[in-house]
Amino acid sequence: GSQQFTTRNLTFNNCKTAIFMNWNWAWTFQDVKINNCEVGIDMSNGGPDGQTVGSVLLLDSHITNTGIGIKTAYDPAQPHTNGTLILDNVEMTGTPIAVQNDATGTTIVDGNQKIAFFAQGRTYAGPSAAQAARPFRRLSKLSSSLTSFLDPATGKVFTRSRPQYEDVPVSSFVSVKANGAKGDGVTDDTDAIQAIFDSVTPEQIVNFDHGAYIITKTVRVPPNIRITGEALPLILAGGDSFFKDQANPKPVFQVGQPGERGRVEMSDLIFGTAVPQPGAIMMEWNVAGMEPGAAGLWDVHTRIGGYAGTQLELEQCAKNPNITNPIKPECFGSFLMLHVTPGGSAYLENTWYWVADHALEPEARDRQIDVFNGRGVLIEGDGPVWGWGTSSEHSVLHNYQFNNARNVFLALIQTETPYYQPNP
């Protein structure tokens, strides 16, 4: 059990219980294979009056020769959302019971069938939760709207694990520190990094050695490039003018130009601000992939404030809920963390867009802080965009915003509103 997780490509053979879900807030399983078990997934812990499992999504999976596919304790009469279950494209073969109520022994969904879609939980369709929350169960056909996300070879939602480059010779890696960048958290590395991006070939891989790289104006990332980092190096928006104007925001990394197509891979990086930068768009994503998964981010995170060097720490931005706090410009973060523009498409996996709600340095002892970051993730246009295991937390105006967007697939996403509310 844990708070929120996404897991893929699991296989269980000859188990008493393949997956015992002790507790969670939300958990997505995709491409799970369960063979010759007594129970596939047991999410009934706590019973109908004290369920410890929030929600489970099982997607593109196959349960074979198993007595009970899923045990649940969901009770529609209970007011809470615990016990929410969604099955999407799940095959039950040699499995007589697909979903069973553990408390009553009642079969909720028969087995030995392909379940296009099943959901149990509560719906929210009105202006207030009190009037809109209703118990819900439905077994129906899979919506054809998912087809743009599917891998035609498997019929499952497309996935691509993080590139490891284990077969690429060392000579193909281009070290940014060996080519002029300092990564010392002080030196302006903008021009050095831009020169590297402009000179590498598609066969090479740009390697950000561990460090902190100060960027003081937009770095243009070409449409055919591979970039990775050593132990999550920091790319920090710095300077005292270029990224300061909220009325004229500018990207820190601009990935492709509008209308460009190509192959872009970025992995193992953290973006942030070296000082308050209310006019910084941390990443503007214009490029569209040549095929699914060709343009993507793996383990690329944005972290605004809360750690040494950001000047958005406990000393400047301590939370004080006992008084009415004004908005302090010295505690502004960025304008926007990720913008997938019209015409862009992206594959996102394990990307976290986090505005600090507490200070991370040991001397701060995890005390909460107030950092005012404008926006989280903005997705526009026709995509497609895949988001596996993404999170966007604590921005002011939105965490996720979809503007005239289509063909967006997200599972699992997690958000939190800012902790400073109702201040300022």
Protein backbone atom coordinates (compact mmCIF):
# COMPACT_ATOMS: atom_id res chain seq x y z
CA GLY A 1 0.00 0.00 0.00
CA SER A 2 0.94 3.64 -0.49
CA GLN A 3 -0.55 7.00 -1.43
CA GLN A 4 -0.61 7.11 -5.23
CA PHE A 5 1.15 4.76 -7.61
CA THR A 6 1.28 3.62 -11.24
CA THR A 7 2.59 0.12 -11.94
CA ARG A 8 2.92 -1.74 -15.24
CA ASN A 9 3.99 -5.07 -16.69
CA LEU A 10 3.51 -7.27 -13.63
CA THR A 11 3.09 -11.06 -13.88
CA PHE A 12 1.91 -13.35 -11.05
CA ASN A 13 1.87 -17.14 -11.25
CA ASN A 14 0.45 -19.71 -8.81
CA CYS A 15 -0.28 -17.34 -5.94
CA LYS A 16 -2.85 -17.60 -3.18
CA THR A 17 -3.49 -13.86 -3.66
CA ALA A 18 -1.60 -12.16 -6.46
CA ILE A 19 -2.07 -8.57 -5.24
CA PHE A 20 -3.23 -7.71 -1.72
CA MET A 21 -4.03 -4.02 -1.68
CA ASN A 22 -3.51 -3.06 1.96
CA TRP A 23 -4.29 0.65 1.52
CA ASN A 24 -4.00 3.46 -1.00
CA TRP A 25 -5.39 6.76 -2.11
CA ALA A 26 -5.27 5.80 -5.79
CA TRP A 27 -3.46 3.09 -7.76
CA THR A 28 -3.27 2.39 -11.49
CA PHE A 29 -2.31 -1.06 -12.79
CA GLN A 30 -1.67 -1.59 -16.49
CA ASP A 31 -0.74 -4.73 -18.42
CA VAL A 32 -0.99 -7.05 -15.42
CA LYS A 33 -1.03 -10.82 -16.01
CA ILE A 34 -2.37 -13.07 -13.24
CA ASN A 35 -2.23 -16.82 -13.83
CA ASN A 36 -3.42 -19.80 -11.76
CA CYS A 37 -4.14 -17.96 -8.53
CA GLU A 38 -6.93 -18.21 -5.96
CA VAL A 39 -7.56 -14.45 -5.94
CA GLY A 40 -6.25 -11.91 -8.43
CA ILE A 41 -6.60 -8.60 -6.55
CA ASP A 42 -7.94 -8.31 -3.00
CA MET A 43 -8.95 -4.71 -2.30
CA SER A 44 -11.48 -5.50 0.46
CA ASN A 45 -9.26 -4.65 3.44
CA GLY A 46 -11.20 -2.97 6.25
CA GLY A 47 -14.59 -4.25 5.10
CA PRO A 48 -17.51 -2.08 3.96
CA ASP A 49 -17.44 0.18 7.05
CA GLY A 50 -13.72 0.87 7.17
CA GLN A 51 -12.20 0.40 3.74
CA THR A 52 -8.54 1.33 3.55
CA VAL A 53 -8.32 1.22 -0.25
CA GLY A 54 -9.23 4.45 -2.02
CA SER A 55 -9.39 3.48 -5.68
CA VAL A 56 -7.97 0.99 -8.15
CA LEU A 57 -7.79 1.22 -11.94
CA LEU A 58 -6.98 -2.03 -13.73
CA LEU A 59 -6.26 -1.46 -17.41
CA ASP A 60 -5.27 -3.68 -20.35
CA SER A 61 -4.85 -6.77 -18.18
CA HIS A 62 -5.54 -10.52 -18.25
CA ILE A 63 -6.58 -12.79 -15.36
CA THR A 64 -6.40 -16.50 -16.22
CA ASN A 65 -7.46 -19.66 -14.35
CA THR A 66 -8.12 -17.78 -11.14
CA GLY A 67 -11.04 -18.41 -8.77
CA ILE A 68 -11.94 -14.78 -8.10
CA GLY A 69 -10.59 -11.95 -10.22
CA ILE A 70 -11.12 -9.08 -7.77
CA LYS A 71 -12.44 -8.98 -4.21
CA THR A 72 -14.02 -5.71 -3.17
CA ALA A 73 -15.84 -4.35 -0.12
CA TYR A 74 -17.52 -1.39 -1.82
CA ASP A 75 -20.92 -0.52 -0.39
CA PRO A 76 -23.02 1.99 -2.37
CA ALA A 77 -24.77 2.99 0.85
CA GLN A 78 -21.56 4.35 2.34
CA PRO A 79 -20.94 8.10 1.81
CA HIS A 80 -17.21 7.87 1.12
CA THR A 81 -15.37 7.12 -2.12
CA ASN A 82 -13.24 4.27 -0.77
CA GLY A 83 -13.52 1.08 -2.79
CA THR A 84 -13.68 2.81 -6.16
CA LEU A 85 -12.83 0.32 -8.92
CA ILE A 86 -12.45 0.75 -12.67
CA LEU A 87 -11.79 -2.08 -15.10
CA ASP A 88 -10.85 -1.08 -18.63
CA ASN A 89 -10.07 -3.75 -21.25
CA VAL A 90 -9.63 -6.62 -18.80
CA GLU A 91 -9.92 -10.23 -19.95
CA MET A 92 -11.12 -12.96 -17.59
CA THR A 93 -10.28 -16.44 -18.91
CA GLY A 94 -11.02 -19.55 -16.86
CA THR A 95 -12.01 -17.16 -14.06
CA PRO A 96 -15.65 -17.72 -13.07
CA ILE A 97 -16.03 -14.60 -10.90
CA ALA A 98 -14.65 -11.31 -12.15
CA VAL A 99 -15.67 -9.08 -9.21
CA GLN A 100 -17.02 -10.32 -5.90
CA ASN A 101 -18.24 -8.53 -2.77
CA ASP A 102 -16.11 -10.10 -0.05
CA ALA A 103 -18.53 -9.25 2.77
CA THR A 104 -21.62 -10.84 1.20
CA GLY A 105 -20.14 -13.28 -1.29
CA THR A 106 -22.26 -11.70 -4.02
CA THR A 107 -20.94 -11.83 -7.57
CA ILE A 108 -20.95 -8.28 -8.93
CA VAL A 109 -19.50 -9.06 -12.37
CA ASP A 110 -19.45 -12.52 -13.93
CA GLY A 111 -16.15 -13.90 -15.13
CA ASN A 112 -15.06 -15.71 -18.28
CA GLN A 113 -15.51 -12.64 -20.45
CA LYS A 114 -13.63 -9.66 -21.78
CA ILE A 115 -14.70 -6.65 -19.73
CA ALA A 116 -14.56 -3.61 -21.95
CA PHE A 117 -15.41 -1.29 -19.08
CA PHE A 118 -16.73 -1.54 -15.53
CA ALA A 119 -16.81 1.09 -12.81
CA GLN A 120 -18.02 1.32 -9.24
CA GLY A 121 -17.73 4.37 -7.04
CA ARG A 122 -19.38 7.77 -6.89
CA THR A 123 -20.12 10.30 -9.61
CA TYR A 124 -19.72 14.07 -9.32
CA ALA A 125 -21.71 15.92 -11.93
CA GLY A 126 -23.14 19.03 -10.30
CA PRO A 127 -22.01 22.34 -8.80
CA SER A 128 -21.52 20.90 -5.32
CA ALA A 129 -20.32 17.56 -4.06
CA ALA A 130 -23.24 17.30 -1.65
CA GLN A 131 -25.85 17.24 -4.39
CA ALA A 132 -23.80 15.55 -7.07
CA ALA A 133 -22.20 12.57 -5.30
CA ARG A 134 -24.12 9.43 -6.19
CA PRO A 135 -23.24 5.76 -5.92
CA PHE A 136 -22.43 4.36 -9.33
CA ARG A 137 -21.95 1.00 -10.99
CA ARG A 138 -21.84 0.42 -14.72
CA LEU A 139 -20.77 -2.30 -17.11
CA SER A 140 -20.58 -1.08 -20.70
CA LYS A 141 -18.58 -1.06 -23.92
CA LEU A 142 -15.22 0.62 -24.17
CA SER A 143 -15.44 4.09 -25.62
CA SER A 144 -13.98 4.37 -29.10
CA SER A 145 -12.39 7.68 -28.04
CA LEU A 146 -9.42 5.72 -26.65
CA THR A 147 -8.31 4.48 -30.06
CA SER A 148 -5.90 7.38 -30.66
CA PHE A 149 -3.85 6.26 -27.63
CA LEU A 150 -3.66 2.56 -28.46
CA ASP A 151 -0.70 0.56 -29.68
CA PRO A 152 -2.04 -1.06 -32.85
CA ALA A 153 0.19 -4.09 -32.29
CA THR A 154 -1.35 -4.92 -28.89
CA GLY A 155 -4.64 -3.05 -28.64
CA LYS A 156 -3.45 -1.64 -25.31
CA VAL A 157 -2.76 1.97 -24.37
CA PHE A 158 0.67 2.82 -25.73
CA THR A 159 3.62 2.71 -23.34
CA ARG A 160 7.33 3.24 -23.72
CA SER A 161 9.70 2.72 -20.82
CA ARG A 162 12.52 5.16 -20.16
CA PRO A 163 15.39 4.84 -22.62
CA GLN A 164 18.46 3.45 -20.87
CA TYR A 165 21.03 3.81 -23.70
CA GLU A 166 22.81 0.67 -22.49
CA ASP A 167 23.80 -0.23 -26.05
CA VAL A 168 25.14 3.22 -26.94
CA PRO A 169 28.95 3.51 -26.92
CA VAL A 170 30.51 5.89 -24.40
CA SER A 171 31.96 7.91 -27.27
CA SER A 172 28.46 8.94 -28.30
CA PHE A 173 27.80 10.78 -25.01
CA VAL A 174 28.54 14.49 -24.97
CA SER A 175 29.34 15.80 -21.49
CA VAL A 176 28.12 19.37 -20.97
CA LYS A 177 30.85 20.06 -18.41
CA ALA A 178 33.53 18.83 -20.80
CA ASN A 179 32.16 21.25 -23.40
CA GLY A 180 32.11 24.53 -21.54
CA ALA A 181 29.28 24.38 -18.98
CA LYS A 182 30.20 24.73 -15.30
CA GLY A 183 27.14 23.46 -13.44
CA ASP A 184 28.30 25.19 -10.26
CA GLY A 185 25.04 27.00 -9.47
CA VAL A 186 26.68 30.37 -10.03
CA THR A 187 28.05 30.59 -13.58
CA ASP A 188 25.68 31.49 -16.41
CA ASP A 189 25.70 28.31 -18.53
CA THR A 190 23.12 29.44 -21.08
CA ASP A 191 25.42 30.02 -24.04
CA ALA A 192 27.48 26.89 -23.41
CA ILE A 193 24.40 24.67 -23.30
CA GLN A 194 22.90 26.31 -26.38
CA ALA A 195 26.14 25.73 -28.31
CA ILE A 196 26.11 22.05 -27.33
CA PHE A 197 22.49 21.61 -28.42
CA ASP A 198 23.23 23.31 -31.73
CA SER A 199 26.21 21.10 -32.48
CA VAL A 200 25.23 17.55 -31.49
CA THR A 201 24.04 15.02 -34.05
CA PRO A 202 20.97 12.77 -33.62
CA GLU A 203 23.32 9.83 -32.99
CA GLN A 204 24.85 11.54 -29.96
CA ILE A 205 23.39 11.92 -26.45
CA VAL A 206 23.80 15.09 -24.40
CA ASN A 207 24.73 14.18 -20.83
CA PHE A 208 24.21 16.72 -18.06
CA ASP A 209 26.84 15.84 -15.48
CA HIS A 210 25.50 16.21 -11.96
CA GLY A 211 25.40 19.86 -11.00
CA ALA A 212 23.26 23.00 -11.02
CA TYR A 213 23.12 24.88 -14.33
CA ILE A 214 22.03 28.51 -14.38
CA ILE A 215 19.96 29.58 -17.42
CA THR A 216 19.35 33.31 -17.96
CA LYS A 217 17.54 33.31 -21.31
CA THR A 218 15.61 30.86 -23.45
CA VAL A 219 17.48 27.73 -24.53
CA ARG A 220 16.18 26.35 -27.83
CA VAL A 221 16.11 22.56 -27.95
CA PRO A 222 16.22 21.24 -31.55
CA PRO A 223 13.63 18.70 -32.74
CA ASN A 224 16.00 15.72 -33.02
CA ILE A 225 18.01 15.31 -29.84
CA ARG A 226 18.51 13.00 -26.86
CA ILE A 227 19.28 14.48 -23.43
CA THR A 228 19.86 12.71 -20.13
CA GLY A 229 21.16 13.61 -16.70
CA GLU A 230 23.52 12.18 -14.11
CA ALA A 231 21.81 11.80 -10.72
CA LEU A 232 19.10 14.37 -11.48
CA PRO A 233 21.07 17.56 -12.19
CA LEU A 234 19.32 20.90 -11.74
CA ILE A 235 18.50 23.29 -14.57
CA LEU A 236 17.68 26.60 -12.88
CA ALA A 237 16.10 29.75 -14.28
CA GLY A 238 18.35 32.55 -13.08
CA GLY A 239 19.14 36.16 -13.80
CA ASP A 240 17.56 39.40 -12.72
CA SER A 241 15.52 40.46 -15.76
CA PHE A 242 14.69 37.95 -18.54
CA PHE A 243 12.24 35.76 -16.58
CA LYS A 244 10.82 38.45 -14.28
CA ASP A 245 7.81 39.83 -16.21
CA GLN A 246 4.51 38.01 -15.58
CA ALA A 247 2.94 40.00 -18.41
CA ASN A 248 5.55 38.71 -20.88
CA PRO A 249 6.42 35.13 -19.88
CA LYS A 250 9.27 33.37 -21.66
CA PRO A 251 10.34 29.73 -21.81
CA VAL A 252 13.45 28.44 -20.07
CA PHE A 253 13.69 25.39 -22.36
CA GLN A 254 11.83 25.72 -25.66
CA VAL A 255 11.54 22.24 -27.16
CA GLY A 256 11.17 22.62 -30.90
CA GLN A 257 9.50 25.46 -32.74
CA PRO A 258 5.77 25.53 -33.55
CA GLY A 259 5.02 23.07 -36.34
CA GLU A 260 8.24 21.06 -35.99
CA ARG A 261 8.23 17.27 -35.86
CA GLY A 262 11.01 15.04 -34.67
CA ARG A 263 12.43 12.75 -32.00
CA VAL A 264 13.17 14.27 -28.62
CA GLU A 265 14.08 12.22 -25.56
CA MET A 266 14.77 13.83 -22.19
CA SER A 267 15.35 11.89 -18.97
CA ASP A 268 16.59 12.29 -15.40
CA LEU A 269 16.50 16.08 -15.03
CA ILE A 270 15.07 18.57 -12.54
CA PHE A 271 13.98 22.09 -13.56
CA GLY A 272 13.63 24.88 -11.05
CA THR A 273 14.23 28.55 -10.33
CA ALA A 274 17.40 29.93 -8.79
CA VAL A 275 15.44 32.97 -7.54
CA PRO A 276 11.81 34.05 -7.91
CA GLN A 277 11.07 34.10 -11.65
CA PRO A 278 7.37 34.97 -12.12
CA GLY A 279 7.79 35.26 -15.91
CA ALA A 280 9.40 31.85 -16.46
CA ILE A 281 7.72 29.07 -18.44
CA MET A 282 9.92 26.22 -17.28
CA MET A 283 9.37 24.15 -20.42
CA GLU A 284 7.52 25.00 -23.62
CA TRP A 285 6.88 21.85 -25.66
CA ASN A 286 6.18 22.57 -29.34
CA VAL A 287 7.53 19.46 -31.04
CA ALA A 288 5.31 16.63 -32.28
CA GLY A 289 6.70 13.12 -32.35
CA MET A 290 7.21 11.29 -35.61
CA GLU A 291 5.37 8.32 -34.08
CA PRO A 292 3.99 7.46 -30.62
CA GLY A 293 6.65 7.84 -27.95
CA ALA A 294 9.17 9.55 -30.22
CA ALA A 295 8.99 12.82 -28.28
CA GLY A 296 8.87 12.45 -24.54
CA LEU A 297 9.99 13.09 -20.99
CA TRP A 298 10.98 10.34 -18.57
CA ASP A 299 11.80 11.17 -14.94
CA VAL A 300 11.95 14.87 -15.74
CA HIS A 301 10.61 16.94 -12.86
CA THR A 302 10.00 20.59 -12.04
CA ARG A 303 10.55 21.63 -8.42
CA ILE A 304 9.86 25.24 -7.46
CA GLY A 305 11.30 26.47 -4.17
CA GLY A 306 11.95 24.86 -0.83
CA TYR A 307 15.63 24.01 -1.24
CA ALA A 308 18.96 25.78 -0.94
CA GLY A 309 19.77 28.27 -3.65
CA THR A 310 16.18 29.07 -4.66
CA GLN A 311 15.66 32.00 -2.25
CA LEU A 312 12.19 30.50 -1.76
CA GLU A 313 12.89 28.95 1.60
CA LEU A 314 11.76 29.17 5.19
CA GLU A 315 13.68 32.41 5.77
CA GLN A 316 11.78 34.24 3.02
CA CYS A 317 8.44 32.42 2.81
CA ALA A 318 7.49 30.86 6.16
CA LYS A 319 3.84 29.94 6.44
CA ASN A 320 1.87 31.77 9.14
CA PRO A 321 -1.80 30.76 9.05
CA ASN A 322 -2.65 32.76 12.18
CA ILE A 323 -2.48 36.10 10.39
CA THR A 324 -3.74 37.38 7.05
CA ASN A 325 -0.69 37.19 4.84
CA PRO A 326 -0.34 39.43 1.79
CA ILE A 327 1.07 38.03 -1.42
CA LYS A 328 4.81 38.58 -1.20
CA PRO A 329 6.60 39.08 -4.55
CA GLU A 330 9.75 37.67 -3.00
CA CYS A 331 7.86 34.34 -2.76
CA PHE A 332 6.74 34.17 -6.39
CA GLY A 333 7.81 30.99 -8.18
CA SER A 334 7.39 30.61 -11.93
CA PHE A 335 4.70 31.57 -14.43
CA LEU A 336 4.01 28.02 -15.73
CA MET A 337 5.80 24.70 -15.31
CA LEU A 338 4.94 22.86 -18.55
CA HIS A 339 3.16 24.09 -21.67
CA VAL A 340 2.33 21.58 -24.40
CA THR A 341 1.37 23.98 -27.15
CA PRO A 342 -1.12 23.49 -30.01
CA GLY A 343 0.57 21.21 -32.50
CA GLY A 344 2.75 19.55 -29.90
CA SER A 345 2.55 15.93 -28.80
CA ALA A 346 4.32 14.35 -25.86
CA TYR A 347 4.83 11.13 -23.97
CA LEU A 348 5.24 11.87 -20.25
CA GLU A 349 6.26 9.20 -17.74
CA ASN A 350 7.00 9.77 -14.06
CA THR A 351 7.03 13.56 -14.23
CA TRP A 352 6.34 15.58 -11.09
CA TYR A 353 5.51 19.30 -11.16
CA TRP A 354 5.87 20.35 -7.53
CA VAL A 355 5.69 23.73 -5.86
CA ALA A 356 7.22 23.51 -2.41
CA ASP A 357 4.67 23.42 0.40
CA HIS A 358 7.42 22.78 2.94
CA ALA A 359 11.14 23.47 3.19
CA LEU A 360 13.42 20.57 2.34
CA GLU A 361 16.67 21.55 4.03
CA PRO A 362 17.37 19.73 7.31
CA GLU A 363 17.57 22.86 9.44
CA ALA A 364 14.01 23.81 8.40
CA ARG A 365 12.68 20.60 9.96
CA ASP A 366 10.04 20.20 7.26
CA ARG A 367 8.20 23.39 8.23
CA GLN A 368 5.62 24.64 5.74
CA ILE A 369 6.23 27.58 3.45
CA ASP A 370 4.14 29.73 1.07
CA VAL A 371 5.40 29.79 -2.53
CA PHE A 372 3.12 31.42 -5.10
CA ASN A 373 3.59 29.63 -8.41
CA GLY A 374 1.26 30.71 -11.19
CA ARG A 375 0.39 27.53 -13.07
CA GLY A 376 1.21 23.86 -13.32
CA VAL A 377 0.66 21.92 -16.56
CA LEU A 378 -1.14 23.45 -19.57
CA ILE A 379 -2.02 21.16 -22.48
CA GLU A 380 -3.50 22.55 -25.69
CA GLY A 381 -4.25 21.25 -29.17
CA ASP A 382 -4.94 17.83 -30.66
CA GLY A 383 -1.99 15.92 -29.19
CA PRO A 384 -1.84 13.09 -28.60
CA VAL A 385 -0.42 13.36 -25.11
CA TRP A 386 0.22 10.37 -22.88
CA GLY A 387 0.82 10.89 -19.16
CA TRP A 388 1.80 7.84 -17.10
CA GLY A 389 2.37 8.58 -13.43
CA THR A 390 2.31 12.39 -13.48
CA SER A 391 1.62 14.83 -10.68
CA SER A 392 1.15 18.58 -10.45
CA GLU A 393 0.82 20.22 -7.05
CA HIS A 394 0.30 23.53 -5.23
CA SER A 395 0.09 26.09 -8.07
CA VAL A 396 -2.22 29.08 -7.70
CA LEU A 397 -4.43 29.15 -10.81
CA HIS A 398 -4.32 25.53 -11.95
CA ASN A 399 -2.43 22.30 -11.52
CA TYR A 400 -3.67 20.76 -14.78
CA GLN A 401 -5.42 22.84 -17.44
CA PHE A 402 -6.70 21.51 -20.77
CA ASN A 403 -7.49 24.28 -23.23
CA ASN A 404 -9.07 23.23 -26.54
CA ALA A 405 -7.24 19.95 -26.02
CA ARG A 406 -8.09 16.55 -27.43
CA ASN A 407 -6.46 13.12 -27.34
CA VAL A 408 -5.05 13.44 -23.83
CA PHE A 409 -4.57 10.26 -21.79
CA LEU A 410 -3.53 10.52 -18.13
CA ALA A 411 -3.21 7.68 -15.60
CA LEU A 412 -2.47 8.15 -12.75
CA ILE A 413 -2.49 11.88 -12.04
CA GLN A 414 -2.24 13.40 -8.58
CA THR A 415 -2.77 16.97 -7.41
CA GLU A 416 -2.97 19.00 -4.23
CA THR A 417 -4.24 22.53 -3.84
CA PRO A 418 -1.93 25.06 -2.13
CA TYR A 419 -1.58 24.61 1.61
CA TYR A 420 -1.59 28.33 2.30
CA GLN A 421 -5.33 28.67 1.62
CA PRO A 422 -7.34 30.64 2.69
CA ASN A 423 -4.36 33.00 2.80
CA PRO A 424 -3.55 35.37 1.24
